[in-house]
Each structure stands twice: as structure tokens, then as C-alpha cells.
Amino acid sequence: MNTTRVLTTKLSSDLAEWLDETSERESVTKRQLLEVALRRMREGRIKTALAESFRRANRDPEMREMAEWGMGDYSYQLKKLGV
């Protein structure tokens, strides 16, 4: 099973030049640089979405109450453990 796909794209001259120079300077392939950049972008989007969901939950009184109950239980468990 093939776990990679071929992607053909056009880049602006300045990005292509940066990619060439960085690849050579860092001794990594262009593919590796692009994968790192795309993964970081994806992770950033995921973190942004999670942060927004926490902000929404924080504005919801029922969600806040459930979180406070959970923290109370967590505190109780820590006390039982002597922490």
C-alpha cells in the first residue's frame, strides 16, 4: 500500500528560492520542509479550534458547572492520595 501521494504545484519565485536555499542549508529535502510546514499549520489550526471550543464552553453556564464539579472531584481524589 502506498502511503504517499504525488503533489504537483506552483510556487511564487520567492518561496521557491527560499525552499531551495533552506533545503540546501539545512541538508533536508524540499519535501521534508514542506511536510514540516504543513504539519505545523495543521497543528496550529487544531489548537485554534480547540481554544475556541474552550472559550465557547467557558461561556456556557452548564459546561462551567460540570467543569467545576470535575475539579472538585479531582481535588478530593488528590486529598485521598495525600498529595
PDB file of N, CA and C in Angstrom:
ATOM      1  N   MET A   1       0.835  -1.182   0.000  1.00  0.00           N
ATOM      2  CA  MET A   1       0.000   0.000   0.000  1.00  0.00           C
ATOM      3  C   MET A   1       0.882   1.250   0.000  1.00  0.00           C
ATOM      4  N   ASN A   2       0.593   2.176  -0.882  1.00  0.00           N
ATOM      5  CA  ASN A   2       1.351   3.416  -0.996  1.00  0.00           C
ATOM      6  C   ASN A   2       0.865   4.403   0.060  1.00  0.00           C
ATOM      7  N   THR A   3       1.789   4.897   0.882  1.00  0.00           N
ATOM      8  CA  THR A   3       1.402   5.824   1.946  1.00  0.00           C
ATOM      9  C   THR A   3       1.703   7.273   1.600  1.00  0.00           C
ATOM     10  N   THR A   4       2.155   7.519   0.391  1.00  0.00           N
ATOM     11  CA  THR A   4       2.411   8.889  -0.057  1.00  0.00           C
ATOM     12  C   THR A   4       1.643   9.152  -1.345  1.00  0.00           C
ATOM     13  N   ARG A   5       1.475  10.416  -1.640  1.00  0.00           N
ATOM     14  CA  ARG A   5       0.826  10.818  -2.885  1.00  0.00           C
ATOM     15  C   ARG A   5       1.685  11.866  -3.553  1.00  0.00           C
ATOM     16  N   VAL A   6       1.654  11.871  -4.858  1.00  0.00           N
ATOM     17  CA  VAL A   6       2.394  12.867  -5.624  1.00  0.00           C
ATOM     18  C   VAL A   6       1.553  14.132  -5.684  1.00  0.00           C
ATOM     19  N   LEU A   7       2.194  15.257  -5.435  1.00  0.00           N
ATOM     20  CA  LEU A   7       1.531  16.550  -5.476  1.00  0.00           C
ATOM     21  C   LEU A   7       2.348  17.469  -6.379  1.00  0.00           C
ATOM     22  N   THR A   8       1.709  18.011  -7.366  1.00  0.00           N
ATOM     23  CA  THR A   8       2.377  18.955  -8.259  1.00  0.00           C
ATOM     24  C   THR A   8       1.758  20.321  -8.021  1.00  0.00           C
ATOM     25  N   THR A   9       2.607  21.309  -7.806  1.00  0.00           N
ATOM     26  CA  THR A   9       2.103  22.647  -7.515  1.00  0.00           C
ATOM     27  C   THR A   9       3.043  23.712  -8.058  1.00  0.00           C
ATOM     28  N   LYS A  10       2.559  24.921  -8.113  1.00  0.00           N
ATOM     29  CA  LYS A  10       3.390  26.061  -8.495  1.00  0.00           C
ATOM     30  C   LYS A  10       3.588  26.930  -7.273  1.00  0.00           C
ATOM     31  N   LEU A  11       4.809  27.444  -7.123  1.00  0.00           N
ATOM     32  CA  LEU A  11       5.129  28.354  -6.029  1.00  0.00           C
ATOM     33  C   LEU A  11       5.586  29.678  -6.609  1.00  0.00           C
ATOM     34  N   SER A  12       5.394  30.723  -5.842  1.00  0.00           N
ATOM     35  CA  SER A  12       5.936  32.018  -6.262  1.00  0.00           C
ATOM     36  C   SER A  12       7.458  31.905  -6.272  1.00  0.00           C
ATOM     37  N   SER A  13       8.089  32.726  -7.060  1.00  0.00           N
ATOM     38  CA  SER A  13       9.554  32.666  -7.206  1.00  0.00           C
ATOM     39  C   SER A  13      10.264  32.833  -5.876  1.00  0.00           C
ATOM     40  N   ASP A  14       9.776  33.755  -5.056  1.00  0.00           N
ATOM     41  CA  ASP A  14      10.473  33.981  -3.786  1.00  0.00           C
ATOM     42  C   ASP A  14      10.359  32.773  -2.854  1.00  0.00           C
ATOM     43  N   LEU A  15       9.201  32.121  -2.816  1.00  0.00           N
ATOM     44  CA  LEU A  15       9.070  30.931  -1.979  1.00  0.00           C
ATOM     45  C   LEU A  15       9.881  29.760  -2.523  1.00  0.00           C
ATOM     46  N   ALA A  16       9.892  29.609  -3.821  1.00  0.00           N
ATOM     47  CA  ALA A  16      10.676  28.532  -4.426  1.00  0.00           C
ATOM     48  C   ALA A  16      12.163  28.732  -4.150  1.00  0.00           C
ATOM     49  N   GLU A  17      12.611  29.975  -4.234  1.00  0.00           N
ATOM     50  CA  GLU A  17      14.015  30.277  -3.963  1.00  0.00           C
ATOM     51  C   GLU A  17      14.333  30.017  -2.488  1.00  0.00           C
ATOM     52  N   TRP A  18      13.434  30.435  -1.587  1.00  0.00           N
ATOM     53  CA  TRP A  18      13.625  30.184  -0.168  1.00  0.00           C
ATOM     54  C   TRP A  18      13.674  28.686   0.105  1.00  0.00           C
ATOM     55  N   LEU A  19      12.788  27.940  -0.528  1.00  0.00           N
ATOM     56  CA  LEU A  19      12.751  26.490  -0.359  1.00  0.00           C
ATOM     57  C   LEU A  19      14.070  25.862  -0.811  1.00  0.00           C
ATOM     58  N   ASP A  20      14.575  26.271  -1.960  1.00  0.00           N
ATOM     59  CA  ASP A  20      15.856  25.766  -2.464  1.00  0.00           C
ATOM     60  C   ASP A  20      16.992  26.064  -1.480  1.00  0.00           C
ATOM     61  N   GLU A  21      17.069  27.319  -1.052  1.00  0.00           N
ATOM     62  CA  GLU A  21      18.163  27.738  -0.174  1.00  0.00           C
ATOM     63  C   GLU A  21      18.084  27.042   1.194  1.00  0.00           C
ATOM     64  N   THR A  22      16.897  26.983   1.738  1.00  0.00           N
ATOM     65  CA  THR A  22      16.723  26.376   3.062  1.00  0.00           C
ATOM     66  C   THR A  22      16.990  24.882   3.013  1.00  0.00           C
ATOM     67  N   SER A  23      16.540  24.241   1.968  1.00  0.00           N
ATOM     68  CA  SER A  23      16.779  22.813   1.801  1.00  0.00           C
ATOM     69  C   SER A  23      18.275  22.520   1.783  1.00  0.00           C
ATOM     70  N   GLU A  24      18.989  23.310   1.037  1.00  0.00           N
ATOM     71  CA  GLU A  24      20.440  23.103   0.938  1.00  0.00           C
ATOM     72  C   GLU A  24      21.132  23.423   2.260  1.00  0.00           C
ATOM     73  N   ARG A  25      20.779  24.546   2.848  1.00  0.00           N
ATOM     74  CA  ARG A  25      21.421  24.977   4.095  1.00  0.00           C
ATOM     75  C   ARG A  25      21.143  23.999   5.237  1.00  0.00           C
ATOM     76  N   GLU A  26      19.920  23.492   5.333  1.00  0.00           N
ATOM     77  CA  GLU A  26      19.527  22.592   6.420  1.00  0.00           C
ATOM     78  C   GLU A  26      19.817  21.120   6.108  1.00  0.00           C
ATOM     79  N   SER A  27      20.252  20.840   4.909  1.00  0.00           N
ATOM     80  CA  SER A  27      20.528  19.463   4.464  1.00  0.00           C
ATOM     81  C   SER A  27      19.311  18.554   4.634  1.00  0.00           C
ATOM     82  N   VAL A  28      18.166  19.078   4.207  1.00  0.00           N
ATOM     83  CA  VAL A  28      16.929  18.300   4.211  1.00  0.00           C
ATOM     84  C   VAL A  28      16.277  18.446   2.841  1.00  0.00           C
ATOM     85  N   THR A  29      15.401  17.523   2.546  1.00  0.00           N
ATOM     86  CA  THR A  29      14.737  17.600   1.247  1.00  0.00           C
ATOM     87  C   THR A  29      13.658  18.682   1.271  1.00  0.00           C
ATOM     88  N   LYS A  30      13.302  19.131   0.109  1.00  0.00           N
ATOM     89  CA  LYS A  30      12.213  20.102  -0.006  1.00  0.00           C
ATOM     90  C   LYS A  30      10.918  19.490   0.503  1.00  0.00           C
ATOM     91  N   ARG A  31      10.749  18.220   0.209  1.00  0.00           N
ATOM     92  CA  ARG A  31       9.560  17.515   0.683  1.00  0.00           C
ATOM     93  C   ARG A  31       9.482  17.562   2.207  1.00  0.00           C
ATOM     94  N   GLN A  32      10.613  17.340   2.871  1.00  0.00           N
ATOM     95  CA  GLN A  32      10.622  17.381   4.335  1.00  0.00           C
ATOM     96  C   GLN A  32      10.245  18.770   4.845  1.00  0.00           C
ATOM     97  N   LEU A  33      10.783  19.799   4.217  1.00  0.00           N
ATOM     98  CA  LEU A  33      10.452  21.164   4.623  1.00  0.00           C
ATOM     99  C   LEU A  33       8.964  21.444   4.446  1.00  0.00           C
ATOM    100  N   LEU A  34       8.419  21.041   3.326  1.00  0.00           N
ATOM    101  CA  LEU A  34       7.002  21.273   3.072  1.00  0.00           C
ATOM    102  C   LEU A  34       6.134  20.484   4.049  1.00  0.00           C
ATOM    103  N   GLU A  35       6.520  19.255   4.344  1.00  0.00           N
ATOM    104  CA  GLU A  35       5.741  18.456   5.293  1.00  0.00           C
ATOM    105  C   GLU A  35       5.753  19.083   6.681  1.00  0.00           C
ATOM    106  N   VAL A  36       6.913  19.557   7.116  1.00  0.00           N
ATOM    107  CA  VAL A  36       7.002  20.197   8.431  1.00  0.00           C
ATOM    108  C   VAL A  36       6.107  21.439   8.452  1.00  0.00           C
ATOM    109  N   ALA A  37       6.174  22.247   7.421  1.00  0.00           N
ATOM    110  CA  ALA A  37       5.369  23.469   7.364  1.00  0.00           C
ATOM    111  C   ALA A  37       3.876  23.143   7.372  1.00  0.00           C
ATOM    112  N   LEU A  38       3.479  22.155   6.587  1.00  0.00           N
ATOM    113  CA  LEU A  38       2.061  21.787   6.534  1.00  0.00           C
ATOM    114  C   LEU A  38       1.583  21.187   7.855  1.00  0.00           C
ATOM    115  N   ARG A  39       2.417  20.374   8.478  1.00  0.00           N
ATOM    116  CA  ARG A  39       2.034  19.787   9.767  1.00  0.00           C
ATOM    117  C   ARG A  39       1.873  20.875  10.833  1.00  0.00           C
ATOM    118  N   ARG A  40       2.806  21.826  10.841  1.00  0.00           N
ATOM    119  CA  ARG A  40       2.711  22.926  11.814  1.00  0.00           C
ATOM    120  C   ARG A  40       1.451  23.757  11.568  1.00  0.00           C
ATOM    121  N   MET A  41       1.142  23.986  10.321  1.00  0.00           N
ATOM    122  CA  MET A  41      -0.061  24.741  10.003  1.00  0.00           C
ATOM    123  C   MET A  41      -1.300  23.983  10.471  1.00  0.00           C
ATOM    124  N   ARG A  42      -1.330  22.681  10.208  1.00  0.00           N
ATOM    125  CA  ARG A  42      -2.461  21.858  10.637  1.00  0.00           C
ATOM    126  C   ARG A  42      -2.581  21.868  12.156  1.00  0.00           C
ATOM    127  N   GLU A  43      -1.457  21.693  12.859  1.00  0.00           N
ATOM    128  CA  GLU A  43      -1.477  21.700  14.318  1.00  0.00           C
ATOM    129  C   GLU A  43      -1.964  23.040  14.853  1.00  0.00           C
ATOM    130  N   GLY A  44      -1.543  24.121  14.208  1.00  0.00           N
ATOM    131  CA  GLY A  44      -1.990  25.452  14.616  1.00  0.00           C
ATOM    132  C   GLY A  44      -3.490  25.608  14.458  1.00  0.00           C
ATOM    133  N   ARG A  45      -4.016  25.104  13.365  1.00  0.00           N
ATOM    134  CA  ARG A  45      -5.465  25.175  13.149  1.00  0.00           C
ATOM    135  C   ARG A  45      -6.216  24.345  14.187  1.00  0.00           C
ATOM    136  N   ILE A  46      -5.675  23.170  14.511  1.00  0.00           N
ATOM    137  CA  ILE A  46      -6.310  22.317  15.519  1.00  0.00           C
ATOM    138  C   ILE A  46      -6.295  23.016  16.878  1.00  0.00           C
ATOM    139  N   LYS A  47      -5.158  23.599  17.241  1.00  0.00           N
ATOM    140  CA  LYS A  47      -5.056  24.307  18.525  1.00  0.00           C
ATOM    141  C   LYS A  47      -6.013  25.490  18.572  1.00  0.00           C
ATOM    142  N   THR A  48      -6.133  26.205  17.464  1.00  0.00           N
ATOM    143  CA  THR A  48      -7.058  27.341  17.397  1.00  0.00           C
ATOM    144  C   THR A  48      -8.495  26.870  17.578  1.00  0.00           C
ATOM    145  N   ALA A  49      -8.849  25.771  16.913  1.00  0.00           N
ATOM    146  CA  ALA A  49     -10.210  25.230  17.037  1.00  0.00           C
ATOM    147  C   ALA A  49     -10.479  24.769  18.468  1.00  0.00           C
ATOM    148  N   LEU A  50      -9.501  24.126  19.104  1.00  0.00           N
ATOM    149  CA  LEU A  50      -9.675  23.690  20.493  1.00  0.00           C
ATOM    150  C   LEU A  50      -9.828  24.880  21.426  1.00  0.00           C
ATOM    151  N   ALA A  51      -8.999  25.899  21.225  1.00  0.00           N
ATOM    152  CA  ALA A  51      -9.091  27.092  22.073  1.00  0.00           C
ATOM    153  C   ALA A  51     -10.462  27.742  21.935  1.00  0.00           C
ATOM    154  N   GLU A  52     -10.963  27.820  20.719  1.00  0.00           N
ATOM    155  CA  GLU A  52     -12.287  28.408  20.506  1.00  0.00           C
ATOM    156  C   GLU A  52     -13.373  27.564  21.170  1.00  0.00           C
ATOM    157  N   SER A  53     -13.249  26.247  21.095  1.00  0.00           N
ATOM    158  CA  SER A  53     -14.265  25.404  21.743  1.00  0.00           C
ATOM    159  C   SER A  53     -14.223  25.578  23.259  1.00  0.00           C
ATOM    160  N   PHE A  54     -13.028  25.768  23.831  1.00  0.00           N
ATOM    161  CA  PHE A  54     -12.935  26.011  25.270  1.00  0.00           C
ATOM    162  C   PHE A  54     -13.536  27.369  25.632  1.00  0.00           C
ATOM    163  N   ARG A  55     -13.320  28.367  24.771  1.00  0.00           N
ATOM    164  CA  ARG A  55     -13.922  29.681  25.025  1.00  0.00           C
ATOM    165  C   ARG A  55     -15.448  29.589  25.001  1.00  0.00           C
ATOM    166  N   ARG A  56     -15.979  28.837  24.021  1.00  0.00           N
ATOM    167  CA  ARG A  56     -17.436  28.658  23.957  1.00  0.00           C
ATOM    168  C   ARG A  56     -17.939  27.923  25.194  1.00  0.00           C
ATOM    169  N   ALA A  57     -17.226  26.882  25.591  1.00  0.00           N
ATOM    170  CA  ALA A  57     -17.636  26.114  26.771  1.00  0.00           C
ATOM    171  C   ALA A  57     -17.595  26.988  28.021  1.00  0.00           C
ATOM    172  N   ASN A  58     -16.619  27.865  28.098  1.00  0.00           N
ATOM    173  CA  ASN A  58     -16.482  28.748  29.251  1.00  0.00           C
ATOM    174  C   ASN A  58     -17.668  29.709  29.365  1.00  0.00           C
ATOM    175  N   ARG A  59     -18.258  30.057  28.238  1.00  0.00           N
ATOM    176  CA  ARG A  59     -19.411  30.971  28.254  1.00  0.00           C
ATOM    177  C   ARG A  59     -20.721  30.241  28.540  1.00  0.00           C
ATOM    178  N   ASP A  60     -20.691  28.917  28.529  1.00  0.00           N
ATOM    179  CA  ASP A  60     -21.884  28.114  28.771  1.00  0.00           C
ATOM    180  C   ASP A  60     -21.959  27.780  30.259  1.00  0.00           C
ATOM    181  N   PRO A  61     -22.982  28.302  30.965  1.00  0.00           N
ATOM    182  CA  PRO A  61     -23.068  28.077  32.421  1.00  0.00           C
ATOM    183  C   PRO A  61     -23.104  26.599  32.803  1.00  0.00           C
ATOM    184  N   GLU A  62     -23.784  25.772  32.033  1.00  0.00           N
ATOM    185  CA  GLU A  62     -23.846  24.343  32.362  1.00  0.00           C
ATOM    186  C   GLU A  62     -22.483  23.677  32.220  1.00  0.00           C
ATOM    187  N   MET A  63     -21.756  24.038  31.176  1.00  0.00           N
ATOM    188  CA  MET A  63     -20.416  23.467  30.981  1.00  0.00           C
ATOM    189  C   MET A  63     -19.478  23.910  32.101  1.00  0.00           C
ATOM    190  N   ARG A  64     -19.594  25.160  32.514  1.00  0.00           N
ATOM    191  CA  ARG A  64     -18.756  25.655  33.602  1.00  0.00           C
ATOM    192  C   ARG A  64     -19.039  24.895  34.883  1.00  0.00           C
ATOM    193  N   GLU A  65     -20.321  24.668  35.154  1.00  0.00           N
ATOM    194  CA  GLU A  65     -20.707  23.953  36.360  1.00  0.00           C
ATOM    195  C   GLU A  65     -20.153  22.527  36.344  1.00  0.00           C
ATOM    196  N   MET A  66     -20.244  21.856  35.188  1.00  0.00           N
ATOM    197  CA  MET A  66     -19.696  20.497  35.090  1.00  0.00           C
ATOM    198  C   MET A  66     -18.184  20.496  35.304  1.00  0.00           C
ATOM    199  N   ALA A  67     -17.505  21.497  34.759  1.00  0.00           N
ATOM    200  CA  ALA A  67     -16.049  21.585  34.929  1.00  0.00           C
ATOM    201  C   ALA A  67     -15.701  21.804  36.400  1.00  0.00           C
ATOM    202  N   GLU A  68     -16.477  22.652  37.074  1.00  0.00           N
ATOM    203  CA  GLU A  68     -16.221  22.894  38.492  1.00  0.00           C
ATOM    204  C   GLU A  68     -16.462  21.631  39.311  1.00  0.00           C
ATOM    205  N   TRP A  69     -17.488  20.873  38.972  1.00  0.00           N
ATOM    206  CA  TRP A  69     -17.725  19.603  39.654  1.00  0.00           C
ATOM    207  C   TRP A  69     -16.517  18.685  39.455  1.00  0.00           C
ATOM    208  N   GLY A  70     -16.034  18.643  38.230  1.00  0.00           N
ATOM    209  CA  GLY A  70     -14.878  17.796  37.926  1.00  0.00           C
ATOM    210  C   GLY A  70     -13.652  18.210  38.717  1.00  0.00           C
ATOM    211  N   MET A  71     -13.441  19.523  38.865  1.00  0.00           N
ATOM    212  CA  MET A  71     -12.284  19.994  39.633  1.00  0.00           C
ATOM    213  C   MET A  71     -12.453  19.656  41.106  1.00  0.00           C
ATOM    214  N   GLY A  72     -13.688  19.722  41.597  1.00  0.00           N
ATOM    215  CA  GLY A  72     -13.935  19.347  42.993  1.00  0.00           C
ATOM    216  C   GLY A  72     -13.608  17.877  43.222  1.00  0.00           C
ATOM    217  N   ASP A  73     -14.015  17.028  42.287  1.00  0.00           N
ATOM    218  CA  ASP A  73     -13.722  15.600  42.391  1.00  0.00           C
ATOM    219  C   ASP A  73     -12.219  15.353  42.300  1.00  0.00           C
ATOM    220  N   TYR A  74     -11.559  16.076  41.408  1.00  0.00           N
ATOM    221  CA  TYR A  74     -10.108  15.951  41.244  1.00  0.00           C
ATOM    222  C   TYR A  74      -9.409  16.324  42.556  1.00  0.00           C
ATOM    223  N   SER A  75      -9.841  17.413  43.156  1.00  0.00           N
ATOM    224  CA  SER A  75      -9.258  17.847  44.427  1.00  0.00           C
ATOM    225  C   SER A  75      -9.471  16.788  45.510  1.00  0.00           C
ATOM    226  N   TYR A  76     -10.667  16.232  45.552  1.00  0.00           N
ATOM    227  CA  TYR A  76     -10.986  15.184  46.524  1.00  0.00           C
ATOM    228  C   TYR A  76     -10.058  13.974  46.330  1.00  0.00           C
ATOM    229  N   GLN A  77      -9.872  13.558  45.079  1.00  0.00           N
ATOM    230  CA  GLN A  77      -9.008  12.406  44.786  1.00  0.00           C
ATOM    231  C   GLN A  77      -7.559  12.694  45.211  1.00  0.00           C
ATOM    232  N   LEU A  78      -7.092  13.906  44.973  1.00  0.00           N
ATOM    233  CA  LEU A  78      -5.728  14.261  45.384  1.00  0.00           C
ATOM    234  C   LEU A  78      -5.583  14.206  46.903  1.00  0.00           C
ATOM    235  N   LYS A  79      -6.597  14.705  47.608  1.00  0.00           N
ATOM    236  CA  LYS A  79      -6.554  14.657  49.073  1.00  0.00           C
ATOM    237  C   LYS A  79      -6.521  13.233  49.586  1.00  0.00           C
ATOM    238  N   LYS A  80      -7.296  12.348  48.931  1.00  0.00           N
ATOM    239  CA  LYS A  80      -7.295  10.940  49.319  1.00  0.00           C
ATOM    240  C   LYS A  80      -5.917  10.316  49.127  1.00  0.00           C
ATOM    241  N   LEU A  81      -5.213  10.763  48.106  1.00  0.00           N
ATOM    242  CA  LEU A  81      -3.876  10.235  47.831  1.00  0.00           C
ATOM    243  C   LEU A  81      -2.808  10.891  48.701  1.00  0.00           C
ATOM    244  N   GLY A  82      -3.188  11.928  49.424  1.00  0.00           N
ATOM    245  CA  GLY A  82      -2.229  12.620  50.285  1.00  0.00           C
ATOM    246  C   GLY A  82      -1.329  13.578  49.538  1.00  0.00           C
ATOM    247  N   VAL A  83      -1.788  14.010  48.400  1.00  0.00           N
ATOM    248  CA  VAL A  83      -0.969  14.939  47.591  1.00  0.00           C
ATOM    249  C   VAL A  83      -1.289  16.361  47.957  1.00  0.00           C
TER     250      VAL A  83
END
